[in-house]
Amino acid sequence: MDAENQDKENPHVMKVATSPSFLKPKAISLRKKANKVKNTLPLSDVLNKNDTCDEFLLTSTITARNPFRRIESKRKRDVDNPDEDSNSLLWKQINKTSDDSFTKMKNLPSPIVPSMLDESALSAFSDTVSANLKSEKEKLPAIPHSKVLPVDWSLKMKIRFISSVPFPNKGSFRTFEEVNGTIGFVRCLHSGETDKSDVHSSHGAKVFQHCLVWMHPYLPWLNLFPRHDNRLGKQNSTTLITPPMQEVLHSKWCDSFRSLYQLVRLYQCPYFYMCTPTFTVLFRSAGAASIPVIHALISPTTKGFRKALSDEGISFCMPLSQSKDSDLSLEDTDEDLANSAPVENKDKPQDVAEDDEPELWLESLGLSQDSLLSSKRKKRNDPAYQIDHKPESLVYVEDSETQALVNFLLNSHFCTSKIGPMAGVPPTLLAPTAFLGGTLQSLQIRHGKVKQGGEELHSMEISGPLLPNAVHSLCSLFSSTQEGGFSAILTSYTPTTPFSMVSPLSPMIPSIFAKNNMTDCGLPQPFLQEMCSKTDNMPLNTITLDKGFFTWN
């Protein structure tokens, strides 16, 4: 150590190698050859050496083989020449080869044994499957669609249109639109059908024209449609209309009612409605709804009302009832219903005995047996009461019996309420054409915007007595103005919904003859064409226009 330190400290001292063997090239070459031979020895010989395991891992150049790895050449061969197993089909789908795999799939053996099924059995099975599929399709309800909207005979209280395009009047009517719309409605002018005047040709004027109706009577402080909805219902209104006023109102109403009936009988008015507090009457001219005679529909009715009609000698039928014969009179219908209903009190003598005791006490007071039957027992035992105030209670009167019905309604106490704010007020008459004593009224129109599915849409809501021709004309107008289509939601007046469920009871006649008879009634020709044809037996609740076709429900 001291000598080495001294050498480092003195750089001028000359260093001499003690062993010159490292300078000989032969020794270096021999060492390289030994190392080369050692690396090329077999694994068994290497393990037999005295080297440790760690030294072998560090010095060995042999790499371990993965037994689970697939040889690339084999994979390529499988893709190029696939066999008929599932792996080849999978590789075809992955590599998107153009081989006809479906042809080869047809040649695969069937899992069904050929001896078990023959050709006739296979054809029978296929026919059964096709028949089942066809029956399932027939069960699905078909959505009606047409380029022309059918006529719905039920009165509408409200209709709401929704569209992506603004409506023609754009929120309010201008002065010239109101004037032209009124002239077009009063003079029964329709664009494209007459050359008398073109002042009503604007779309806003047409909308205003279709929102007008003739009404009688007109009392501004009372809501005459619907009759059960009144703002003064909770107030004491016994002094609203005095008896002299009631007589004058009834006299004027009789004149208007006779005028309307004569217009319908002579084809100058196709139909009109009479709304009372308890029922509604629809008079239609001959040819309407493919019925060749003048007729009337009354809904809803009660057994007392039907009995009053029978007492007056008015023949009628109930087409929506479940009776077998639709031409039965009132007595026959009631007897038929009574005979078809099961007797429920034969096995209940105890209940009868309990009811006899108060009846015997009332008989001792001099009351007759007929007046002892309570309304509850009548409704329970008499099936004629079970259809009261229901669609099945609709009454149909036709031909000359309608004149007797008019005389009955002119003097009947069923038409006028005795109490409440409507006491003494005659029924409301609604018509699409002018008549004696009729008042021209406008429906309420309100515009707004709604959001549906993140999109802002335009809406127009019309409230009031919407007649069938008004609904039909508005939808026809908006089919040309609303390019993107529209949808409408209708609210029906419940007592009038059965009017759209009645099918013609008489033989149908071609609509062209009925249409020619009502050429001068003042309504547009497209509506008359649909009115004189047989329409679907259903009231309209929703209407949708898409690509020129109407769909409804």
Protein backbone atom coordinates (compact mmCIF):
# COMPACT_ATOMS: atom_id res chain seq x y z
CA MET A 1 0.00 0.00 0.00
CA ASP A 2 2.81 2.33 0.80
CA ALA A 3 4.54 1.53 -2.48
CA GLU A 4 1.36 2.19 -4.53
CA ASN A 5 0.81 5.45 -2.72
CA GLN A 6 4.31 6.44 -3.46
CA ASP A 7 3.84 5.62 -7.17
CA LYS A 8 0.70 7.71 -7.40
CA GLU A 9 2.37 10.56 -5.63
CA ASN A 10 5.45 10.40 -7.96
CA PRO A 11 4.39 10.39 -11.61
CA HIS A 12 7.98 10.40 -12.92
CA VAL A 13 8.69 6.89 -11.75
CA MET A 14 8.53 4.35 -14.68
CA LYS A 15 6.06 1.46 -14.30
CA VAL A 16 7.01 -2.08 -15.42
CA ALA A 17 4.48 -4.92 -15.84
CA THR A 18 5.11 -7.83 -13.61
CA SER A 19 3.41 -10.37 -15.96
CA PRO A 20 3.57 -9.75 -19.71
CA SER A 21 1.16 -12.60 -20.51
CA PHE A 22 -1.76 -10.24 -21.22
CA LEU A 23 0.16 -8.95 -24.19
CA LYS A 24 0.12 -12.36 -25.98
CA PRO A 25 -2.71 -12.61 -28.61
CA LYS A 26 -2.72 -16.40 -28.49
CA ALA A 27 -4.05 -16.46 -24.93
CA ILE A 28 -6.85 -14.04 -25.81
CA SER A 29 -7.97 -16.11 -28.79
CA LEU A 30 -7.94 -19.30 -26.72
CA ARG A 31 -10.16 -17.68 -24.09
CA LYS A 32 -12.69 -16.58 -26.75
CA LYS A 33 -12.84 -20.09 -28.19
CA ALA A 34 -13.47 -21.55 -24.72
CA ASN A 35 -16.33 -19.16 -24.11
CA LYS A 36 -17.85 -20.00 -27.51
CA VAL A 37 -17.70 -23.74 -26.84
CA LYS A 38 -19.27 -23.21 -23.44
CA ASN A 39 -22.25 -21.31 -24.95
CA THR A 40 -22.93 -24.00 -27.56
CA LEU A 41 -23.05 -26.90 -25.11
CA PRO A 42 -26.37 -28.82 -24.69
CA LEU A 43 -28.68 -27.92 -21.83
CA SER A 44 -27.93 -31.18 -20.04
CA ASP A 45 -24.19 -30.55 -20.19
CA VAL A 46 -24.63 -27.04 -18.96
CA LEU A 47 -26.74 -28.20 -16.03
CA ASN A 48 -24.12 -30.80 -15.19
CA LYS A 49 -21.58 -28.09 -14.65
CA ASN A 50 -20.89 -26.78 -11.22
CA ASP A 51 -22.53 -23.46 -12.20
CA THR A 52 -25.42 -22.27 -10.11
CA CYS A 53 -29.00 -21.82 -11.39
CA ASP A 54 -28.76 -18.09 -11.20
CA GLU A 55 -25.65 -18.06 -13.37
CA PHE A 56 -27.45 -20.19 -16.01
CA LEU A 57 -30.43 -17.86 -16.13
CA LEU A 58 -28.19 -14.88 -16.56
CA THR A 59 -25.82 -16.35 -19.15
CA SER A 60 -28.11 -18.68 -21.20
CA THR A 61 -29.30 -17.44 -24.60
CA ILE A 62 -32.01 -20.12 -25.00
CA THR A 63 -35.56 -18.54 -24.95
CA ALA A 64 -38.54 -20.45 -23.57
CA ARG A 65 -41.32 -21.38 -26.04
CA ASN A 66 -45.00 -20.60 -25.34
CA PRO A 67 -46.92 -23.84 -25.92
CA PHE A 68 -50.29 -22.00 -26.18
CA ARG A 69 -49.26 -19.68 -28.97
CA ARG A 70 -50.70 -20.52 -32.39
CA ILE A 71 -48.30 -20.70 -35.31
CA GLU A 72 -48.89 -17.85 -37.75
CA SER A 73 -48.58 -20.08 -40.78
CA LYS A 74 -51.34 -22.37 -39.54
CA ARG A 75 -53.66 -19.45 -38.84
CA LYS A 76 -53.10 -18.12 -42.33
CA ARG A 77 -53.76 -21.57 -43.79
CA ASP A 78 -57.05 -21.81 -41.90
CA VAL A 79 -58.19 -18.48 -43.28
CA ASP A 80 -57.24 -19.33 -46.86
CA ASN A 81 -58.70 -22.83 -46.84
CA PRO A 82 -61.52 -22.93 -44.26
CA ASP A 83 -63.34 -26.10 -43.43
CA GLU A 84 -67.02 -26.58 -42.51
CA ASP A 85 -66.76 -25.92 -38.79
CA SER A 86 -67.99 -22.89 -36.87
CA ASN A 87 -64.49 -21.41 -36.48
CA SER A 88 -64.07 -21.03 -40.24
CA LEU A 89 -67.43 -19.23 -40.50
CA LEU A 90 -66.37 -16.90 -37.70
CA TRP A 91 -63.09 -16.11 -39.42
CA LYS A 92 -64.99 -15.36 -42.63
CA GLN A 93 -67.22 -12.86 -40.90
CA ILE A 94 -64.25 -11.18 -39.21
CA ASN A 95 -62.08 -10.96 -42.31
CA LYS A 96 -65.11 -10.18 -44.56
CA THR A 97 -64.33 -12.78 -47.17
CA SER A 98 -66.47 -13.07 -50.27
CA ASP A 99 -67.18 -16.78 -49.93
CA ASP A 100 -70.76 -17.97 -50.33
CA SER A 101 -71.30 -19.19 -46.79
CA PHE A 102 -75.08 -19.37 -47.05
CA THR A 103 -74.86 -21.91 -49.86
CA LYS A 104 -72.68 -24.13 -47.71
CA MET A 105 -75.02 -23.73 -44.76
CA LYS A 106 -77.84 -25.18 -46.84
CA ASN A 107 -75.81 -28.34 -47.43
CA LEU A 108 -75.30 -28.97 -43.72
CA PRO A 109 -77.13 -32.02 -42.36
CA SER A 110 -80.50 -31.24 -40.79
CA PRO A 111 -80.90 -31.95 -37.06
CA ILE A 112 -84.32 -33.51 -37.81
CA VAL A 113 -84.30 -37.15 -38.82
CA PRO A 114 -85.67 -37.42 -42.39
CA SER A 115 -87.69 -40.51 -41.57
CA MET A 116 -89.70 -38.62 -38.95
CA LEU A 117 -91.02 -35.82 -41.22
CA ASP A 118 -91.99 -36.09 -44.85
CA GLU A 119 -92.70 -33.34 -47.38
CA SER A 120 -96.43 -33.24 -46.66
CA ALA A 121 -95.78 -32.76 -42.94
CA LEU A 122 -93.34 -29.94 -43.64
CA SER A 123 -95.80 -28.17 -45.97
CA ALA A 124 -98.60 -28.54 -43.42
CA PHE A 125 -96.37 -27.05 -40.74
CA SER A 126 -95.48 -24.07 -42.94
CA ASP A 127 -99.16 -23.48 -43.77
CA THR A 128 -100.03 -23.50 -40.08
CA VAL A 129 -97.31 -20.98 -39.28
CA SER A 130 -98.40 -18.66 -42.11
CA ALA A 131 -102.04 -18.91 -41.02
CA ASN A 132 -101.11 -18.00 -37.45
CA LEU A 133 -99.10 -15.00 -38.63
CA LYS A 134 -102.00 -13.84 -40.78
CA SER A 135 -104.46 -14.15 -37.90
CA GLU A 136 -102.15 -12.15 -35.64
CA LYS A 137 -102.03 -9.38 -38.24
CA GLU A 138 -105.80 -9.36 -38.51
CA LYS A 139 -106.15 -9.00 -34.75
CA LEU A 140 -104.13 -5.77 -34.78
CA PRO A 141 -106.47 -2.74 -35.03
CA ALA A 142 -106.13 -1.03 -38.37
CA ILE A 143 -105.55 2.71 -38.17
CA PRO A 144 -108.07 4.43 -40.47
CA HIS A 145 -106.55 6.90 -42.90
CA SER A 146 -107.96 8.80 -45.84
CA LYS A 147 -107.53 12.01 -47.78
CA VAL A 148 -111.05 13.08 -46.73
CA LEU A 149 -112.19 13.33 -43.12
CA PRO A 150 -115.46 11.50 -42.26
CA VAL A 151 -118.41 13.31 -40.69
CA ASP A 152 -118.82 13.02 -36.93
CA TRP A 153 -122.41 13.72 -35.88
CA SER A 154 -121.61 14.39 -32.23
CA LEU A 155 -121.44 18.00 -31.05
CA LYS A 156 -118.01 19.24 -30.00
CA MET A 157 -117.45 21.61 -27.11
CA LYS A 158 -113.77 22.29 -27.80
CA ILE A 159 -111.12 21.53 -30.40
CA ARG A 160 -107.41 22.26 -30.15
CA PHE A 161 -105.14 22.35 -33.20
CA ILE A 162 -101.34 22.00 -32.88
CA SER A 163 -98.96 22.61 -35.76
CA SER A 164 -95.36 23.59 -36.43
CA VAL A 165 -96.55 26.27 -38.90
CA PRO A 166 -98.40 29.41 -37.67
CA PHE A 167 -102.13 29.41 -38.30
CA PRO A 168 -103.61 31.77 -40.91
CA ASN A 169 -105.10 34.40 -38.59
CA LYS A 170 -101.84 34.74 -36.59
CA GLY A 171 -103.41 35.38 -33.20
CA SER A 172 -106.16 37.84 -34.08
CA PHE A 173 -108.49 38.67 -36.95
CA ARG A 174 -108.17 41.84 -38.93
CA THR A 175 -111.16 44.00 -39.76
CA PHE A 176 -111.46 42.90 -43.39
CA GLU A 177 -111.11 39.22 -42.32
CA GLU A 178 -114.07 39.52 -39.93
CA VAL A 179 -116.17 41.34 -42.53
CA ASN A 180 -115.38 38.93 -45.34
CA GLY A 181 -115.85 35.91 -43.08
CA THR A 182 -119.25 37.14 -41.92
CA ILE A 183 -120.38 37.85 -45.48
CA GLY A 184 -119.21 34.44 -46.64
CA PHE A 185 -121.07 32.67 -43.81
CA VAL A 186 -124.34 34.59 -44.12
CA ARG A 187 -124.46 34.40 -47.91
CA CYS A 188 -123.17 30.78 -47.93
CA LEU A 189 -120.25 31.63 -50.22
CA HIS A 190 -117.47 29.08 -50.57
CA SER A 191 -114.32 29.72 -52.58
CA GLY A 192 -113.95 27.54 -55.64
CA GLU A 193 -117.68 26.75 -55.82
CA THR A 194 -119.21 30.06 -56.89
CA ASP A 195 -118.21 33.13 -58.87
CA LYS A 196 -120.51 35.53 -57.06
CA SER A 197 -117.83 37.06 -54.86
CA ASP A 198 -114.21 36.57 -53.98
CA VAL A 199 -114.07 38.85 -50.96
CA HIS A 200 -113.76 35.88 -48.61
CA SER A 201 -110.80 34.29 -50.36
CA SER A 202 -108.20 35.00 -47.64
CA HIS A 203 -107.35 32.21 -45.21
CA GLY A 204 -108.01 34.36 -42.14
CA ALA A 205 -111.51 35.18 -43.43
CA LYS A 206 -112.19 31.48 -44.01
CA VAL A 207 -111.18 30.62 -40.45
CA PHE A 208 -113.56 33.27 -39.10
CA GLN A 209 -116.30 32.02 -41.43
CA HIS A 210 -116.02 28.46 -40.11
CA CYS A 211 -116.23 29.69 -36.49
CA LEU A 212 -119.78 31.09 -36.77
CA VAL A 213 -123.06 29.41 -35.82
CA TRP A 214 -126.76 30.24 -35.74
CA MET A 215 -128.36 29.98 -32.29
CA HIS A 216 -131.70 30.56 -30.59
CA PRO A 217 -132.46 31.82 -27.98
CA TYR A 218 -129.69 34.24 -27.06
CA LEU A 219 -129.47 35.43 -23.44
CA PRO A 220 -126.08 37.07 -22.78
CA TRP A 221 -126.17 36.44 -19.03
CA LEU A 222 -126.71 32.68 -19.47
CA ASN A 223 -124.52 30.04 -21.02
CA LEU A 224 -126.93 28.20 -23.30
CA PHE A 225 -124.43 25.53 -24.39
CA PRO A 226 -123.84 23.22 -22.69
CA ARG A 227 -127.02 23.54 -20.63
CA HIS A 228 -125.60 21.86 -17.53
CA ASP A 229 -122.69 24.33 -17.33
CA ASN A 230 -123.77 27.72 -15.98
CA ARG A 231 -121.95 30.38 -14.01
CA LEU A 232 -125.09 31.31 -12.07
CA GLY A 233 -125.72 27.78 -10.85
CA LYS A 234 -124.92 28.58 -7.21
CA GLN A 235 -126.93 31.80 -7.07
CA ASN A 236 -130.58 32.31 -6.26
CA SER A 237 -131.97 32.86 -9.73
CA THR A 238 -135.69 32.42 -9.10
CA THR A 239 -136.37 35.99 -10.25
CA LEU A 240 -134.22 35.96 -13.38
CA ILE A 241 -137.09 35.16 -15.75
CA THR A 242 -140.66 36.02 -14.77
CA PRO A 243 -143.68 34.00 -16.00
CA PRO A 244 -144.61 36.62 -18.65
CA MET A 245 -141.04 36.51 -19.95
CA GLN A 246 -141.19 32.72 -20.07
CA GLU A 247 -144.34 32.83 -22.19
CA VAL A 248 -142.74 35.22 -24.68
CA LEU A 249 -139.56 33.16 -24.87
CA HIS A 250 -141.54 29.97 -25.45
CA SER A 251 -143.67 31.57 -28.17
CA LYS A 252 -140.62 32.84 -30.09
CA TRP A 253 -138.89 29.51 -29.62
CA CYS A 254 -141.85 27.63 -31.12
CA ASP A 255 -141.66 29.83 -34.23
CA SER A 256 -137.94 29.17 -34.61
CA PHE A 257 -138.37 25.43 -34.05
CA ARG A 258 -141.10 25.17 -36.72
CA SER A 259 -138.97 27.21 -39.11
CA LEU A 260 -135.99 24.91 -38.71
CA TYR A 261 -138.05 21.77 -39.16
CA GLN A 262 -139.56 23.09 -42.40
CA LEU A 263 -136.08 23.99 -43.70
CA VAL A 264 -134.86 20.46 -42.99
CA ARG A 265 -137.94 18.89 -44.56
CA LEU A 266 -137.43 20.93 -47.77
CA TYR A 267 -133.65 20.27 -48.02
CA GLN A 268 -132.72 23.90 -47.26
CA CYS A 269 -131.00 22.98 -43.99
CA PRO A 270 -129.27 19.59 -43.77
CA TYR A 271 -129.58 19.21 -39.97
CA PHE A 272 -130.00 21.02 -36.66
CA TYR A 273 -129.70 20.27 -32.94
CA MET A 274 -132.06 20.92 -30.06
CA CYS A 275 -130.31 20.87 -26.66
CA THR A 276 -132.43 20.52 -23.52
CA PRO A 277 -131.20 20.16 -19.93
CA THR A 278 -131.77 16.38 -19.99
CA PHE A 279 -131.46 15.22 -23.63
CA THR A 280 -130.44 16.35 -27.13
CA VAL A 281 -132.36 15.89 -30.40
CA LEU A 282 -130.72 15.75 -33.85
CA PHE A 283 -132.98 16.31 -36.87
CA ARG A 284 -131.48 15.30 -40.23
CA SER A 285 -132.77 15.78 -43.72
CA ALA A 286 -133.55 12.87 -46.03
CA GLY A 287 -130.35 11.46 -47.51
CA ALA A 288 -128.09 12.33 -44.58
CA ALA A 289 -126.03 9.34 -43.40
CA SER A 290 -127.53 7.31 -46.30
CA ILE A 291 -131.01 7.32 -44.73
CA PRO A 292 -133.56 8.11 -47.48
CA VAL A 293 -136.18 9.71 -45.21
CA ILE A 294 -136.21 12.56 -42.75
CA HIS A 295 -135.40 11.28 -39.27
CA ALA A 296 -134.54 12.32 -35.71
CA LEU A 297 -132.24 10.92 -33.00
CA ILE A 298 -132.80 11.51 -29.28
CA SER A 299 -130.16 10.77 -26.64
CA PRO A 300 -130.14 10.03 -23.77
CA THR A 301 -133.65 9.02 -22.77
CA THR A 302 -135.44 7.53 -19.77
CA LYS A 303 -138.27 5.08 -19.45
CA GLY A 304 -140.63 7.90 -18.49
CA PHE A 305 -139.76 9.85 -21.64
CA ARG A 306 -140.18 6.77 -23.83
CA LYS A 307 -143.52 6.05 -22.19
CA ALA A 308 -144.63 9.60 -22.94
CA LEU A 309 -143.71 9.11 -26.60
CA SER A 310 -145.69 5.87 -26.69
CA ASP A 311 -148.68 7.55 -25.09
CA GLU A 312 -148.65 10.17 -27.87
CA GLY A 313 -148.69 7.39 -30.48
CA ILE A 314 -145.16 8.08 -31.77
CA SER A 315 -143.50 4.96 -33.16
CA PHE A 316 -139.81 4.66 -32.56
CA CYS A 317 -137.05 2.13 -32.11
CA MET A 318 -133.84 1.83 -30.12
CA PRO A 319 -131.06 0.74 -32.53
CA LEU A 320 -128.30 0.67 -29.91
CA SER A 321 -130.17 -1.44 -27.38
CA GLN A 322 -129.61 -5.19 -27.04
CA SER A 323 -133.16 -6.10 -28.03
CA LYS A 324 -133.52 -8.60 -30.87
CA ASP A 325 -136.03 -6.64 -32.95
CA SER A 326 -135.06 -3.03 -33.68
CA ASP A 327 -138.56 -2.08 -34.88
CA LEU A 328 -140.33 -2.88 -31.62
CA SER A 329 -142.46 -0.25 -29.98
CA LEU A 330 -141.94 0.90 -26.42
CA GLU A 331 -144.25 -1.66 -24.84
CA ASP A 332 -142.81 -4.51 -26.88
CA THR A 333 -139.26 -3.42 -26.09
CA ASP A 334 -139.94 -3.22 -22.39
CA GLU A 335 -141.69 -6.58 -22.41
CA ASP A 336 -138.82 -8.11 -24.35
CA LEU A 337 -136.29 -6.74 -21.87
CA ALA A 338 -138.38 -7.96 -18.96
CA ASN A 339 -138.68 -11.45 -20.42
CA SER A 340 -134.97 -11.68 -21.16
CA ALA A 341 -133.96 -10.60 -17.66
CA PRO A 342 -133.73 -13.27 -14.98
CA VAL A 343 -136.11 -13.12 -12.03
CA GLU A 344 -134.05 -12.43 -8.95
CA ASN A 345 -136.70 -12.29 -6.20
CA LYS A 346 -138.15 -15.80 -6.46
CA ASP A 347 -135.66 -17.20 -4.02
CA LYS A 348 -135.91 -14.26 -1.58
CA PRO A 349 -139.24 -14.56 0.28
CA GLN A 350 -137.67 -12.99 3.33
CA ASP A 351 -136.98 -9.70 1.50
CA VAL A 352 -140.51 -9.62 0.10
CA ALA A 353 -141.98 -10.15 3.54
CA GLU A 354 -139.92 -7.27 4.90
CA ASP A 355 -141.19 -4.95 2.14
CA ASP A 356 -144.85 -6.01 2.54
CA GLU A 357 -145.21 -4.56 6.04
CA PRO A 358 -144.77 -0.87 5.13
CA GLU A 359 -146.87 -1.39 1.99
CA LEU A 360 -149.76 -2.81 4.05
CA TRP A 361 -149.57 0.22 6.30
CA LEU A 362 -149.66 2.57 3.29
CA GLU A 363 -152.58 0.62 1.78
CA SER A 364 -154.51 1.20 5.00
CA LEU A 365 -154.17 4.92 4.32
CA GLY A 366 -156.00 4.52 1.00
CA LEU A 367 -153.01 4.51 -1.41
CA SER A 368 -153.15 2.26 -4.48
CA GLN A 369 -150.84 -0.67 -5.04
CA ASP A 370 -149.16 0.99 -8.06
CA SER A 371 -148.01 3.98 -6.04
CA LEU A 372 -146.40 1.79 -3.41
CA LEU A 373 -143.60 0.48 -5.62
CA SER A 374 -140.46 2.37 -4.78
CA SER A 375 -138.08 3.58 -7.48
CA LYS A 376 -135.35 1.36 -6.08
CA ARG A 377 -137.40 -1.82 -6.52
CA LYS A 378 -138.46 -0.74 -10.00
CA LYS A 379 -134.91 -0.23 -11.16
CA ARG A 380 -133.86 -3.52 -9.63
CA ASN A 381 -136.65 -5.60 -11.14
CA ASP A 382 -137.33 -3.77 -14.41
CA PRO A 383 -134.47 -4.03 -16.93
CA ALA A 384 -135.90 -1.09 -18.91
CA TYR A 385 -134.50 1.24 -16.24
CA GLN A 386 -130.98 -0.16 -16.59
CA ILE A 387 -130.35 1.55 -19.95
CA ASP A 388 -131.54 5.00 -18.85
CA HIS A 389 -129.02 7.81 -19.45
CA LYS A 390 -126.82 5.42 -21.43
CA PRO A 391 -125.98 5.27 -25.15
CA GLU A 392 -128.28 2.24 -25.47
CA SER A 393 -131.24 4.48 -24.61
CA LEU A 394 -130.99 6.35 -27.94
CA VAL A 395 -134.36 6.68 -29.69
CA TYR A 396 -134.75 6.76 -33.47
CA VAL A 397 -137.80 8.32 -35.18
CA GLU A 398 -138.22 8.59 -38.94
CA ASP A 399 -140.46 9.77 -41.76
CA SER A 400 -143.92 11.05 -40.79
CA GLU A 401 -143.38 10.27 -37.13
CA THR A 402 -140.98 13.22 -36.97
CA GLN A 403 -143.93 15.62 -37.39
CA ALA A 404 -145.62 14.01 -34.41
CA LEU A 405 -142.34 14.32 -32.50
CA VAL A 406 -142.20 18.04 -33.26
CA ASN A 407 -145.72 18.55 -31.91
CA PHE A 408 -144.78 16.56 -28.81
CA LEU A 409 -141.65 18.65 -28.15
CA LEU A 410 -143.50 21.94 -28.62
CA ASN A 411 -145.79 21.19 -25.69
CA SER A 412 -143.71 18.82 -23.57
CA HIS A 413 -142.58 19.68 -20.06
CA PHE A 414 -139.44 17.57 -20.60
CA CYS A 415 -137.82 20.36 -22.64
CA THR A 416 -137.80 23.11 -20.03
CA SER A 417 -136.29 23.12 -16.57
CA LYS A 418 -138.48 24.15 -13.65
CA ILE A 419 -135.76 25.15 -11.18
CA GLY A 420 -132.31 26.68 -11.28
CA PRO A 421 -130.89 29.51 -13.39
CA MET A 422 -132.32 27.90 -16.55
CA ALA A 423 -135.88 27.76 -15.24
CA GLY A 424 -138.30 28.70 -18.00
CA VAL A 425 -135.58 28.96 -20.67
CA PRO A 426 -136.54 27.03 -23.83
CA PRO A 427 -134.10 24.56 -25.41
CA THR A 428 -131.13 25.77 -27.44
CA LEU A 429 -131.40 25.47 -31.21
CA LEU A 430 -128.16 25.17 -33.21
CA ALA A 431 -128.05 25.18 -37.02
CA PRO A 432 -125.46 25.74 -39.78
CA THR A 433 -127.86 27.90 -41.85
CA ALA A 434 -130.04 30.89 -41.08
CA PHE A 435 -133.56 30.40 -39.71
CA LEU A 436 -136.35 32.50 -38.24
CA GLY A 437 -135.27 34.03 -34.94
CA GLY A 438 -131.72 32.71 -35.21
CA THR A 439 -128.87 34.79 -33.80
CA LEU A 440 -125.43 34.79 -35.38
CA GLN A 441 -122.83 33.85 -32.78
CA SER A 442 -119.05 33.54 -32.95
CA LEU A 443 -117.03 30.84 -31.24
CA GLN A 444 -114.21 31.68 -28.87
CA ILE A 445 -110.75 31.45 -30.45
CA ARG A 446 -107.52 31.50 -28.48
CA HIS A 447 -103.97 31.21 -29.78
CA GLY A 448 -100.83 30.14 -27.97
CA LYS A 449 -97.63 28.15 -28.13
CA VAL A 450 -96.78 24.78 -26.62
CA LYS A 451 -93.54 22.89 -26.21
CA GLN A 452 -93.50 19.28 -27.30
CA GLY A 453 -90.33 17.20 -27.44
CA GLY A 454 -88.15 20.28 -27.07
CA GLU A 455 -89.83 21.95 -30.08
CA GLU A 456 -92.04 25.03 -29.87
CA LEU A 457 -95.36 24.51 -31.69
CA HIS A 458 -98.28 26.79 -32.48
CA SER A 459 -101.74 26.03 -31.08
CA MET A 460 -105.25 27.31 -31.74
CA GLU A 461 -108.13 26.43 -29.42
CA ILE A 462 -111.77 26.91 -30.43
CA SER A 463 -114.49 26.68 -27.76
CA GLY A 464 -118.24 26.59 -28.23
CA PRO A 465 -120.85 24.53 -30.06
CA LEU A 466 -118.81 23.10 -32.94
CA LEU A 467 -121.12 21.64 -35.56
CA PRO A 468 -120.00 18.75 -37.81
CA ASN A 469 -119.58 20.99 -40.86
CA ALA A 470 -117.36 23.41 -38.88
CA VAL A 471 -114.98 20.62 -37.81
CA HIS A 472 -114.87 19.21 -41.32
CA SER A 473 -114.25 22.63 -42.94
CA LEU A 474 -111.54 23.66 -40.48
CA CYS A 475 -109.62 20.42 -40.99
CA SER A 476 -109.94 20.76 -44.77
CA LEU A 477 -108.68 24.35 -44.62
CA PHE A 478 -105.69 23.54 -42.40
CA SER A 479 -104.74 20.64 -44.66
CA SER A 480 -103.74 23.25 -47.27
CA THR A 481 -102.37 25.98 -44.98
CA GLN A 482 -100.34 23.86 -42.53
CA GLU A 483 -97.60 22.45 -44.71
CA GLY A 484 -96.03 20.43 -41.92
CA GLY A 485 -99.37 18.83 -40.98
CA PHE A 486 -101.27 19.22 -37.74
CA SER A 487 -102.89 17.30 -34.92
CA ALA A 488 -106.21 18.05 -33.22
CA ILE A 489 -107.80 16.98 -29.95
CA LEU A 490 -111.60 17.14 -29.76
CA THR A 491 -113.86 17.25 -26.73
CA SER A 492 -117.30 15.80 -27.45
CA TYR A 493 -120.57 16.76 -25.83
CA THR A 494 -121.31 13.49 -24.02
CA PRO A 495 -125.10 13.30 -24.66
CA THR A 496 -124.46 13.45 -28.42
CA THR A 497 -121.76 10.77 -28.78
CA PRO A 498 -124.33 8.01 -29.61
CA PHE A 499 -125.33 9.95 -32.74
CA SER A 500 -122.14 8.73 -34.43
CA MET A 501 -122.85 5.09 -33.54
CA VAL A 502 -126.13 4.65 -35.44
CA SER A 503 -126.07 2.76 -38.75
CA PRO A 504 -128.77 3.23 -41.41
CA LEU A 505 -131.89 1.25 -40.56
CA SER A 506 -133.47 1.77 -43.99
CA PRO A 507 -132.04 0.62 -47.33
CA MET A 508 -129.16 2.82 -48.40
CA ILE A 509 -129.47 5.00 -51.47
CA PRO A 510 -126.66 6.39 -53.64
CA SER A 511 -125.27 9.54 -52.11
CA ILE A 512 -125.39 11.36 -55.44
CA PHE A 513 -129.22 11.60 -55.31
CA ALA A 514 -129.23 12.95 -51.77
CA LYS A 515 -126.43 15.38 -52.63
CA ASN A 516 -128.39 16.78 -55.57
CA ASN A 517 -131.41 17.41 -53.33
CA MET A 518 -129.32 19.54 -50.96
CA THR A 519 -127.40 21.53 -53.56
CA ASP A 520 -128.93 24.82 -52.34
CA CYS A 521 -128.61 24.20 -48.61
CA GLY A 522 -125.54 26.47 -48.36
CA LEU A 523 -122.88 24.01 -47.17
CA PRO A 524 -119.71 23.15 -49.12
CA GLN A 525 -119.90 20.28 -51.57
CA PRO A 526 -117.11 18.15 -50.00
CA PHE A 527 -119.01 18.10 -46.71
CA LEU A 528 -122.29 17.22 -48.43
CA GLN A 529 -120.57 14.34 -50.23
CA GLU A 530 -119.37 12.87 -46.94
CA MET A 531 -122.59 13.70 -45.09
CA CYS A 532 -124.71 11.76 -47.60
CA SER A 533 -122.48 8.69 -47.45
CA LYS A 534 -122.25 6.08 -44.75
CA THR A 535 -119.59 7.15 -42.25
CA ASP A 536 -117.66 5.25 -39.60
CA ASN A 537 -119.68 4.44 -36.50
CA MET A 538 -117.41 6.19 -34.05
CA PRO A 539 -116.97 9.70 -32.61
CA LEU A 540 -113.71 11.47 -33.42
CA ASN A 541 -111.44 12.17 -30.46
CA THR A 542 -108.12 12.89 -32.19
CA ILE A 543 -107.28 13.89 -35.77
CA THR A 544 -103.82 13.90 -37.36
CA LEU A 545 -102.78 15.08 -40.80
CA ASP A 546 -99.50 13.73 -42.16
CA LYS A 547 -98.37 13.78 -45.80
CA GLY A 548 -101.86 14.58 -47.05
CA PHE A 549 -103.64 11.73 -45.20
CA PHE A 550 -105.98 12.04 -42.24
CA THR A 551 -105.80 9.55 -39.39
CA TRP A 552 -108.28 9.61 -36.54
CA ASN A 553 -109.24 7.81 -33.39
